[in-house]
Amino acid sequence: MRVKITLECTDCKQRNYNLMKDKKAHPERMETKKYCKFCRKHTTHKETK
């Protein structure tokens, strides 16, 4: 089952990315380094509800 998730910047707390994720294959929360246009640098982004 694929669900929509939102990624939030850990530095400025802005919600920057919307993705689709397979909940059965990856039940844990996603965390990745992505570019934040508000911070203007690569930061860690975590999955939110």
C-alpha atoms as a PDB file:
ATOM      1  CA  MET A   1       0.000   0.000   0.000  1.00  0.00           C
ATOM      2  CA  ARG A   2       1.533   3.312  -1.085  1.00  0.00           C
ATOM      3  CA  VAL A   3       0.811   6.395   1.007  1.00  0.00           C
ATOM      4  CA  LYS A   4       1.614  10.103   0.669  1.00  0.00           C
ATOM      5  CA  ILE A   5       4.223  11.449   3.084  1.00  0.00           C
ATOM      6  CA  THR A   6       5.611  14.930   3.744  1.00  0.00           C
ATOM      7  CA  LEU A   7       9.257  15.684   4.522  1.00  0.00           C
ATOM      8  CA  GLU A   8      10.106  18.459   6.974  1.00  0.00           C
ATOM      9  CA  CYS A   9      13.443  20.262   7.322  1.00  0.00           C
ATOM     10  CA  THR A  10      14.983  19.648  10.754  1.00  0.00           C
ATOM     11  CA  ASP A  11      16.619  23.106  10.831  1.00  0.00           C
ATOM     12  CA  CYS A  12      13.838  25.533   9.844  1.00  0.00           C
ATOM     13  CA  LYS A  13      10.818  23.167  10.271  1.00  0.00           C
ATOM     14  CA  GLN A  14       9.435  23.975   6.808  1.00  0.00           C
ATOM     15  CA  ARG A  15       7.584  21.203   4.966  1.00  0.00           C
ATOM     16  CA  ASN A  16       9.304  21.069   1.583  1.00  0.00           C
ATOM     17  CA  TYR A  17       8.709  17.714  -0.110  1.00  0.00           C
ATOM     18  CA  ASN A  18       5.722  15.448  -0.787  1.00  0.00           C
ATOM     19  CA  LEU A  19       6.522  11.842  -1.707  1.00  0.00           C
ATOM     20  CA  MET A  20       4.899   8.428  -2.065  1.00  0.00           C
ATOM     21  CA  LYS A  21       6.146   5.541   0.078  1.00  0.00           C
ATOM     22  CA  ASP A  22       5.407   1.825   0.289  1.00  0.00           C
ATOM     23  CA  LYS A  23       4.210   1.348   3.890  1.00  0.00           C
ATOM     24  CA  LYS A  24       4.650  -2.452   3.902  1.00  0.00           C
ATOM     25  CA  ALA A  25       8.250  -2.436   2.646  1.00  0.00           C
ATOM     26  CA  HIS A  26       9.346   0.532   4.833  1.00  0.00           C
ATOM     27  CA  PRO A  27       7.174   0.888   7.963  1.00  0.00           C
ATOM     28  CA  GLU A  28       9.712   3.104   9.788  1.00  0.00           C
ATOM     29  CA  ARG A  29       9.837   6.884   9.342  1.00  0.00           C
ATOM     30  CA  MET A  30      11.932   8.126   6.452  1.00  0.00           C
ATOM     31  CA  GLU A  31      14.943  10.409   6.974  1.00  0.00           C
ATOM     32  CA  THR A  32      17.107  11.759   4.146  1.00  0.00           C
ATOM     33  CA  LYS A  33      19.372  14.655   3.188  1.00  0.00           C
ATOM     34  CA  LYS A  34      17.702  17.019   0.726  1.00  0.00           C
ATOM     35  CA  TYR A  35      18.014  20.627  -0.384  1.00  0.00           C
ATOM     36  CA  CYS A  36      15.982  23.165   1.598  1.00  0.00           C
ATOM     37  CA  LYS A  37      15.143  26.275  -0.424  1.00  0.00           C
ATOM     38  CA  PHE A  38      14.455  28.250   2.759  1.00  0.00           C
ATOM     39  CA  CYS A  39      17.820  27.445   4.412  1.00  0.00           C
ATOM     40  CA  ARG A  40      19.564  27.449   1.006  1.00  0.00           C
ATOM     41  CA  LYS A  41      21.608  24.351   1.877  1.00  0.00           C
ATOM     42  CA  HIS A  42      21.353  20.564   2.156  1.00  0.00           C
ATOM     43  CA  THR A  43      19.785  19.531   5.468  1.00  0.00           C
ATOM     44  CA  THR A  44      18.259  16.433   7.004  1.00  0.00           C
ATOM     45  CA  HIS A  45      14.545  16.037   6.267  1.00  0.00           C
ATOM     46  CA  LYS A  46      12.291  13.776   8.343  1.00  0.00           C
ATOM     47  CA  GLU A  47       8.904  12.280   7.567  1.00  0.00           C
ATOM     48  CA  THR A  48       5.909  13.946   9.230  1.00  0.00           C
ATOM     49  CA  LYS A  49       2.294  12.838   9.538  1.00  0.00           C
END
